[in-house]
Protein backbone atom coordinates (compact mmCIF):
# COMPACT_ATOMS: atom_id res chain seq x y z
CA MET A 1 88.87 82.15 -178.43
CA THR A 2 85.32 80.95 -178.77
CA ALA A 3 84.30 78.78 -181.70
CA ALA A 4 82.07 81.60 -182.97
CA SER A 5 84.83 84.23 -182.99
CA ALA A 6 87.29 81.75 -184.54
CA LYS A 7 84.82 81.08 -187.35
CA SER A 8 84.41 84.83 -187.90
CA PHE A 9 88.14 85.45 -188.19
CA GLN A 10 88.54 82.44 -190.49
CA ALA A 11 85.73 83.70 -192.72
CA LEU A 12 87.38 87.10 -193.09
CA GLY A 13 90.72 85.45 -193.87
CA ASP A 14 89.59 85.11 -197.49
CA PRO A 15 90.14 88.29 -199.57
CA THR A 16 86.92 87.83 -201.56
CA ARG A 17 84.86 87.50 -198.39
CA ARG A 18 86.55 90.56 -196.92
CA ALA A 19 85.69 92.52 -200.07
CA ILE A 20 82.07 91.37 -199.85
CA PHE A 21 81.93 92.24 -196.14
CA GLU A 22 83.40 95.69 -196.82
CA LYS A 23 80.79 96.35 -199.52
CA LEU A 24 78.12 95.85 -196.87
CA GLU A 25 79.68 98.55 -194.70
CA LYS A 26 77.63 101.18 -196.55
CA GLY A 27 74.35 99.33 -195.96
CA PRO A 28 72.25 96.35 -196.99
CA LEU A 29 72.65 94.98 -200.52
CA SER A 30 71.23 92.24 -202.70
CA VAL A 31 73.49 89.54 -204.13
CA VAL A 32 73.25 91.22 -207.56
CA HIS A 33 74.56 94.50 -206.15
CA ILE A 34 77.26 92.80 -204.09
CA ALA A 35 78.49 90.90 -207.18
CA GLU A 36 78.78 94.09 -209.27
CA GLY A 37 82.41 94.82 -210.02
CA MET A 38 83.67 91.65 -208.35
CA GLU A 39 85.98 89.22 -210.12
CA VAL A 40 83.85 86.23 -209.12
CA SER A 41 80.45 85.06 -210.38
CA ARG A 42 77.17 85.67 -208.60
CA PRO A 43 76.95 81.99 -207.56
CA ALA A 44 80.45 82.32 -206.06
CA VAL A 45 79.36 85.49 -204.22
CA SER A 46 76.38 83.55 -202.87
CA GLN A 47 78.70 80.81 -201.58
CA HIS A 48 80.91 83.39 -199.87
CA LEU A 49 77.82 85.01 -198.33
CA LYS A 50 76.75 81.62 -197.01
CA ILE A 51 80.09 81.28 -195.21
CA LEU A 52 79.84 84.83 -193.83
CA LYS A 53 76.31 84.07 -192.63
CA GLU A 54 77.43 80.82 -190.94
CA ALA A 55 80.18 82.84 -189.24
CA LYS A 56 77.48 85.24 -187.97
CA LEU A 57 79.05 88.19 -189.79
CA VAL A 58 76.07 88.89 -192.04
CA THR A 59 72.34 88.36 -191.88
CA MET A 60 69.96 87.77 -194.76
CA GLU A 61 66.33 88.77 -195.20
CA GLN A 62 64.01 87.95 -198.07
CA GLU A 63 62.38 90.92 -199.76
CA GLY A 64 60.14 89.40 -202.39
CA THR A 65 62.42 87.35 -204.62
CA ARG A 66 65.59 89.14 -203.48
CA SER A 67 67.92 88.15 -200.67
CA ILE A 68 69.17 91.24 -198.85
CA TYR A 69 72.37 90.97 -196.81
CA ARG A 70 73.61 93.26 -194.07
CA ILE A 71 76.38 93.22 -191.50
CA ASN A 72 75.44 91.40 -188.31
CA GLN A 73 76.48 93.63 -185.41
CA LYS A 74 76.33 90.73 -182.95
CA GLY A 75 79.03 88.90 -184.92
CA ILE A 76 81.21 92.00 -184.91
CA GLU A 77 80.73 92.34 -181.16
CA LEU A 78 82.03 88.79 -180.63
CA MET A 79 85.19 89.65 -182.55
CA LEU A 80 85.63 92.92 -180.66
CA LYS A 81 85.18 91.16 -177.34
CA TYR A 82 87.98 88.78 -178.26
CA LEU A 83 90.29 91.59 -179.44
CA ASP A 84 89.53 93.79 -176.40
CA ARG A 85 91.49 91.38 -174.21
CA PHE A 86 94.63 92.18 -176.18
CA TRP A 87 93.88 95.90 -176.29
CA ASP A 88 93.61 96.03 -172.49
CA ASP A 89 97.00 94.31 -172.17
CA ALA A 90 98.52 96.72 -174.69
CA LEU A 91 97.18 99.74 -172.77
CA VAL A 92 98.61 98.44 -169.49
CA SER A 93 102.01 97.91 -171.15
CA PHE A 94 101.90 101.37 -172.73
CA LYS A 95 101.09 102.93 -169.35
CA LYS A 96 104.06 101.17 -167.72
CA VAL A 97 106.45 102.33 -170.45
CA ALA A 98 105.13 105.90 -170.24
CA GLU A 99 105.50 105.95 -166.44
CA GLU A 100 109.06 104.54 -166.62
CA THR A 101 110.02 107.07 -169.28
CA GLU A 102 108.62 109.91 -167.15
CA LYS A 103 110.58 108.66 -164.10
CA ARG A 104 113.81 108.65 -166.11
CA LYS A 105 113.18 112.20 -167.31
CA THR A 106 112.73 113.52 -163.77
CA LYS A 107 115.94 111.93 -162.44
């Protein structure tokens, strides 16, 4: 696991950060809009966003006085690349089991 992907998984290990990240699934939002309905304060949301940004899971752009956050696709790709290794192994194992089951049926 690379340091970048490890940091991403660690960042999403926190339920509040996951909730923030999932809010961004629908599109870019300001801190005010992200904090709406959350059980933590806006300053706390900002701290969580800082961690998500350091983990390369979100990006931030200034629009006037507002900070707009969005999901960083490059960060997601790093996590997917890591997980793909396990998916490939799982597919190979599934194929072997399916082939063995089919052999037993034809005997």
